[in-house]
Every structure is written in C-alpha cells, then in structure tokens.
C-alpha cells in the first residue's frame, strides 16, 4: 500500500514539474518563463552564471558562405517577431563575419547606444565611467568603415558618402605658415607666380585637379597651404601699398612743381 501511494505521489509531482513542457521530437517548448543558473526576474528567459571567466551563453555552429539574408544555419539570431523584420543575427558570408542588424519598419529608426555605466572607484579600467568606446578591427589597429566594407591602407576610419558634424579638430604635424612672415622668407614675385600659373594652371605648391581627383585632399595640409597663399598675398598687398604710397608722394611733388611753373 505504501509503495502504491509513493508511486502515485511521484507521478503527480512529475506531472506538475513537466506538464508545462511540450516535446515535439525536434523542439522542447513551454509557455512559462525559463530561468537558468539564476532566480527568475520576470523575463521570459533569464540566464546567469558565467563565473571564473566562463561565458554565460555559448553558441556553436558550422560556419559557411550564405546569401545576404540567410534563412538557415545562422549561429545566433534574436528576433522580435517570428520573421526577420526586426532581428539581430551573426553569420559568415564569403569569408566575412557579419553582425547583422535588420529593421524593416519604415516608420522607425535604428539607434545603437554604447554606454559605460561602470562607476567603480579606484584605478580600475572602467573607473568613473570615463573609458570611451573603442573599436578594434585587428591586432594591427582598429579600423571602422561606414557604408563600406573596406578601409584604405594607412587609414583607420572610412565613410563612403557624406558626413556632417559640428566641429572637426585637425592636428597638423607640419609647421604652421607663420614662417611666411619671417624676414628670411623668400617670397615669390608676382611675375614668377604669373609664369607658373600660365604653365601649370594652378598656384605653386597646390595640388593639381587630377591629383585631387585621384587622391583627395588632406584637410590639415590643404588649410596650411591655403593660409600660406593668403599670407603671401598679404605680403604682396603690403608691398603694392608701399609702392602706391611712394607713387602718391611723387605725384604730389610733381603737382607742386607744376603749380610753381604755372605761376611763373
């Protein structure tokens, strides 16, 4: 009798514990919240642990080469709905690892916010939440591309398209054109400048139109060259002003002599 009662109790407990799970043979599903390694916090899925450097969640799958929106064999995908209209997935295509953020809602925008909320005190790496967001592309140095899958050699940041910002601070390694106003600066004469323009159809030291088309311009260097030309032009204006004043004095002297001759 006791054995029969024990069997009934075990059966009831087992039914209570496992009745919320449904095994279809290929999937194990439940309509209840699930907690793994942590007490549930009301979320549909709560996962805790990851102590001693171990990952909380590890997803392994065979990488392959897929289309732009592969429907199968994606190692990691998060969806808001059953479809991929709003989803985050990771996959490989043509040897490139993609972290794919997709939003097909025409009335909504996508915002990616990276916030360091660590307020620990002391000398920790995140002390006082002052550590900036840093992107690393390889051990050779971080590279970031926007609207492009490549960054030209020798650069760390590339944008294929237009960019707008409130302020840009360019640190120029070359000396600033204060040297133009030094007494030993060799100012090219206007005649020499005119000859150069007639020959090359550009100002001296300035890049040609073909060079700019092929290589673009460096903001710092271009501003340095432009300021150099403005300062050289200023020196020419000062020189012409001195010549004009000298000519005016000569004209005044000639006018006085003419007046004396007319009186006589």
Protein backbone atom coordinates (compact mmCIF):
# COMPACT_ATOMS: atom_id res chain seq x y z
CA UNK A 1 0.00 0.00 0.00
CA UNK A 2 2.84 2.38 0.90
CA UNK A 3 4.62 1.59 -2.35
CA UNK A 4 1.45 2.33 -4.33
CA UNK A 5 0.97 5.65 -2.53
CA UNK A 6 4.61 6.61 -3.14
CA UNK A 7 4.26 5.81 -6.84
CA UNK A 8 1.14 7.99 -7.11
CA UNK A 9 2.89 10.92 -5.35
CA UNK A 10 5.94 10.64 -7.63
CA UNK A 11 3.67 10.53 -10.68
CA UNK A 12 1.76 13.65 -9.55
CA UNK A 13 5.00 15.56 -8.81
CA UNK A 14 6.45 14.55 -12.16
CA UNK A 15 3.28 15.65 -13.92
CA UNK A 16 3.33 19.02 -12.11
CA UNK A 17 7.04 19.61 -12.89
CA UNK A 18 7.00 18.65 -16.54
CA UNK A 19 3.45 19.29 -17.71
CA UNK A 20 4.37 22.83 -18.88
CA UNK A 21 6.94 21.48 -21.37
CA UNK A 22 5.96 20.06 -24.75
CA UNK A 23 8.33 17.75 -26.61
CA UNK A 24 7.58 17.58 -30.34
CA UNK A 25 10.54 15.34 -31.00
CA UNK A 26 12.60 18.17 -32.54
CA UNK A 27 11.73 21.03 -30.15
CA UNK A 28 11.13 21.38 -26.43
CA UNK A 29 8.70 24.26 -25.83
CA UNK A 30 6.97 25.93 -22.90
CA UNK A 31 4.69 28.92 -22.41
CA UNK A 32 6.20 29.70 -18.99
CA UNK A 33 9.22 31.82 -18.12
CA UNK A 34 12.55 29.96 -18.01
CA UNK A 35 15.47 30.65 -15.68
CA UNK A 36 18.91 29.02 -16.00
CA UNK A 37 21.50 29.42 -13.26
CA UNK A 38 19.69 32.37 -11.69
CA UNK A 39 16.43 33.20 -9.97
CA UNK A 40 13.87 34.44 -12.48
CA UNK A 41 13.33 38.19 -12.77
CA UNK A 42 10.09 38.11 -14.72
CA UNK A 43 11.74 37.82 -18.12
CA UNK A 44 10.74 35.05 -20.48
CA UNK A 45 14.39 33.83 -20.39
CA UNK A 46 16.87 34.59 -17.60
CA UNK A 47 20.42 33.19 -17.75
CA UNK A 48 23.01 33.65 -15.01
CA UNK A 49 26.39 32.29 -14.11
CA UNK A 50 29.45 32.75 -16.22
CA UNK A 51 31.79 32.69 -13.20
CA UNK A 52 35.53 32.08 -13.42
CA UNK A 53 35.74 33.57 -16.90
CA UNK A 54 33.23 31.14 -18.38
CA UNK A 55 30.68 32.54 -20.88
CA UNK A 56 27.05 32.74 -19.83
CA UNK A 57 25.83 31.65 -23.26
CA UNK A 58 27.93 29.89 -25.87
CA UNK A 59 26.55 29.26 -29.37
CA UNK A 60 28.42 26.95 -31.70
CA UNK A 61 27.57 26.13 -35.29
CA UNK A 62 29.29 25.34 -38.58
CA UNK A 63 30.26 28.48 -40.48
CA UNK A 64 29.52 28.67 -44.17
CA UNK A 65 29.04 31.07 -47.03
CA UNK A 66 25.49 32.35 -47.29
CA UNK A 67 23.37 34.92 -49.07
CA UNK A 68 22.71 38.44 -47.76
CA UNK A 69 19.82 37.24 -45.59
CA UNK A 70 20.49 33.55 -44.97
CA UNK A 71 17.47 31.71 -43.67
CA UNK A 72 19.35 28.71 -42.30
CA UNK A 73 22.49 27.88 -40.35
CA UNK A 74 22.84 31.20 -38.57
CA UNK A 75 24.72 30.52 -35.32
CA UNK A 76 22.98 33.33 -33.44
CA UNK A 77 19.73 35.19 -34.15
CA UNK A 78 17.46 37.34 -31.97
CA UNK A 79 14.04 38.31 -33.33
CA UNK A 80 11.24 40.50 -32.07
CA UNK A 81 8.74 38.61 -34.24
CA UNK A 82 8.70 35.28 -35.99
CA UNK A 83 10.14 36.87 -39.13
CA UNK A 84 13.48 38.62 -39.63
CA UNK A 85 11.87 42.07 -39.96
CA UNK A 86 13.42 43.17 -36.66
CA UNK A 87 16.34 40.96 -35.79
CA UNK A 88 19.98 40.71 -34.77
CA UNK A 89 22.00 37.86 -36.24
CA UNK A 90 25.57 36.75 -36.71
CA UNK A 91 26.70 34.87 -39.78
CA UNK A 92 29.51 34.47 -42.28
CA UNK A 93 29.28 35.39 -45.97
CA UNK A 94 32.18 34.99 -48.38
CA UNK A 95 34.65 34.69 -45.52
CA UNK A 96 33.42 37.88 -43.77
CA UNK A 97 31.81 37.78 -40.32
CA UNK A 98 28.61 39.85 -40.26
CA UNK A 99 26.81 41.14 -37.18
CA UNK A 100 23.54 41.91 -38.94
CA UNK A 101 21.00 44.39 -37.55
CA UNK A 102 17.80 44.45 -39.58
CA UNK A 103 14.80 46.75 -39.28
CA UNK A 104 12.10 46.72 -41.97
CA UNK A 105 9.79 49.13 -40.16
CA UNK A 106 9.56 52.21 -42.41
CA UNK A 107 8.34 54.44 -39.59
CA UNK A 108 11.07 53.57 -37.08
CA UNK A 109 14.77 54.33 -36.84
CA UNK A 110 17.67 52.27 -35.56
CA UNK A 111 19.74 53.58 -32.66
CA UNK A 112 22.85 51.82 -31.35
CA UNK A 113 23.83 53.19 -27.96
CA UNK A 114 27.05 52.25 -26.20
CA UNK A 115 27.06 53.45 -22.60
CA UNK A 116 29.65 52.75 -19.94
CA UNK A 117 27.75 52.77 -16.65
CA UNK A 118 30.57 51.36 -14.53
CA UNK A 119 31.02 53.70 -11.54
CA UNK A 120 33.60 51.72 -9.61
CA UNK A 121 36.15 53.76 -7.67
CA UNK A 122 39.87 53.35 -7.65
CA UNK A 123 42.19 52.55 -10.53
CA UNK A 124 40.06 50.03 -12.40
CA UNK A 125 39.89 50.14 -16.17
CA UNK A 126 36.30 51.45 -16.05
CA UNK A 127 36.75 53.75 -13.05
CA UNK A 128 34.35 56.71 -13.02
CA UNK A 129 32.84 55.61 -16.33
CA UNK A 130 35.42 57.57 -18.32
CA UNK A 131 36.52 54.80 -20.69
CA UNK A 132 35.43 55.63 -24.28
CA UNK A 133 34.01 53.20 -26.79
CA UNK A 134 36.93 51.60 -28.64
CA UNK A 135 36.64 49.52 -31.80
CA UNK A 136 39.35 47.05 -32.74
CA UNK A 137 39.43 45.51 -36.19
CA UNK A 138 42.63 43.52 -35.84
CA UNK A 139 45.79 43.24 -33.80
CA UNK A 140 47.36 45.78 -36.18
CA UNK A 141 44.96 48.50 -35.03
CA UNK A 142 41.25 49.30 -35.08
CA UNK A 143 39.53 50.20 -38.32
CA UNK A 144 35.97 51.43 -38.79
CA UNK A 145 34.08 51.69 -42.07
CA UNK A 146 30.65 53.25 -42.58
CA UNK A 147 28.67 52.34 -45.71
CA UNK A 148 31.70 50.39 -46.88
CA UNK A 149 33.29 47.01 -46.23
CA UNK A 150 36.88 48.20 -46.50
CA UNK A 151 39.22 50.88 -45.16
CA UNK A 152 42.06 52.07 -47.43
CA UNK A 153 45.56 51.14 -46.37
CA UNK A 154 47.12 53.62 -43.96
CA UNK A 155 43.77 54.82 -42.58
CA UNK A 156 41.64 53.83 -39.59
CA UNK A 157 38.26 55.38 -40.47
CA UNK A 158 36.41 55.46 -43.80
CA UNK A 159 32.98 56.81 -44.78
CA UNK A 160 31.56 56.10 -48.23
CA UNK A 161 29.22 59.09 -48.53
CA UNK A 162 28.64 62.45 -46.89
CA UNK A 163 29.25 63.29 -43.24
CA UNK A 164 28.06 66.22 -41.12
CA UNK A 165 29.43 67.32 -37.76
CA UNK A 166 29.52 70.45 -35.62
CA UNK A 167 33.28 70.65 -35.26
CA UNK A 168 36.44 68.97 -36.56
CA UNK A 169 39.80 69.37 -34.83
CA UNK A 170 42.70 68.55 -37.15
CA UNK A 171 46.17 68.30 -35.60
CA UNK A 172 48.75 69.29 -38.21
CA UNK A 173 52.23 67.84 -37.85
CA UNK A 174 53.75 70.28 -40.37
CA UNK A 175 54.83 73.75 -39.24
CA UNK A 176 52.10 76.41 -39.46
CA UNK A 177 52.69 79.19 -42.05
CA UNK A 178 53.95 81.79 -39.59
CA UNK A 179 57.24 81.24 -41.41
CA UNK A 180 55.86 83.35 -44.30
CA UNK A 181 56.27 86.48 -42.17
CA UNK A 182 59.87 85.67 -41.22
CA UNK A 183 62.42 88.15 -42.58
CA UNK A 184 64.37 85.42 -44.36
CA UNK A 185 61.32 84.02 -46.18
CA UNK A 186 61.83 84.04 -49.95
CA UNK A 187 58.61 85.43 -51.33
CA UNK A 188 58.00 84.51 -54.93
CA UNK A 189 57.49 87.56 -57.10
CA UNK A 190 54.16 88.18 -58.82
CA UNK A 191 55.92 87.78 -62.17
CA UNK A 192 57.14 84.31 -61.16
CA UNK A 193 53.68 83.40 -59.91
CA UNK A 194 52.12 84.58 -63.16
CA UNK A 195 54.58 82.48 -65.18
CA UNK A 196 53.83 79.39 -63.06
CA UNK A 197 50.06 79.85 -63.46
CA UNK A 198 50.36 80.20 -67.24
CA UNK A 199 52.39 76.99 -67.39
CA UNK A 200 50.63 74.72 -64.88
CA UNK A 201 47.19 76.41 -64.48
CA UNK A 202 47.38 76.34 -60.70
CA UNK A 203 49.15 78.10 -57.84
CA UNK A 204 52.63 76.92 -56.80
CA UNK A 205 52.71 74.12 -54.19
CA UNK A 206 48.99 73.47 -54.66
CA UNK A 207 47.86 70.01 -55.87
CA UNK A 208 46.57 69.64 -59.41
CA UNK A 209 42.95 68.84 -60.22
CA UNK A 210 43.98 65.35 -61.38
CA UNK A 211 45.85 64.70 -58.14
CA UNK A 212 42.85 65.79 -56.05
CA UNK A 213 40.52 63.61 -58.12
CA UNK A 214 42.72 60.55 -57.59
CA UNK A 215 43.92 61.09 -54.02
CA UNK A 216 41.52 63.60 -52.45
CA UNK A 217 42.79 66.28 -50.09
CA UNK A 218 44.08 66.27 -46.53
CA UNK A 219 42.22 68.91 -44.54
CA UNK A 220 45.14 69.90 -42.36
CA UNK A 221 47.65 70.15 -45.20
CA UNK A 222 45.20 71.95 -47.50
CA UNK A 223 44.38 74.54 -44.84
CA UNK A 224 48.10 75.04 -44.25
CA UNK A 225 48.69 75.65 -47.97
CA UNK A 226 45.71 77.97 -48.29
CA UNK A 227 46.86 80.03 -45.30
CA UNK A 228 50.36 80.16 -46.78
CA UNK A 229 48.95 81.60 -50.02
CA UNK A 230 46.79 84.11 -48.11
CA UNK A 231 49.82 85.29 -46.12
CA UNK A 232 51.93 85.53 -49.28
CA UNK A 233 49.13 87.52 -50.91
CA UNK A 234 49.03 89.78 -47.84
CA UNK A 235 52.77 90.48 -48.23
CA UNK A 236 52.24 91.32 -51.90
CA UNK A 237 49.39 93.69 -50.98
CA UNK A 238 51.59 95.38 -48.36
CA UNK A 239 54.37 95.71 -50.96
CA UNK A 240 51.96 97.18 -53.52
CA UNK A 241 50.60 99.57 -50.88
CA UNK A 242 54.11 100.84 -50.19
CA UNK A 243 54.67 101.33 -53.92
CA UNK A 244 51.35 103.17 -54.16
CA UNK A 245 52.28 105.49 -51.30
CA UNK A 246 55.65 106.20 -52.92
CA UNK A 247 53.93 106.97 -56.20
CA UNK A 248 51.46 109.27 -54.46
CA UNK A 249 54.33 111.21 -52.86
CA UNK A 250 55.98 111.57 -56.27
CA UNK A 251 52.70 112.76 -57.77
CA UNK A 252 52.29 115.36 -55.03
CA UNK A 253 55.83 116.61 -55.65
CA UNK A 254 55.17 116.88 -59.37
CA UNK A 255 51.92 118.73 -58.74
CA UNK A 256 53.69 121.35 -56.57
CA UNK A 257 56.38 121.84 -59.22
CA UNK A 258 53.70 122.25 -61.86
CA UNK A 259 51.96 124.90 -59.76
CA UNK A 260 55.23 126.83 -59.40
CA UNK A 261 55.82 126.71 -63.16
CA UNK A 262 52.30 127.90 -63.90
CA UNK A 263 52.72 130.91 -61.57
CA UNK A 264 55.91 131.93 -63.31
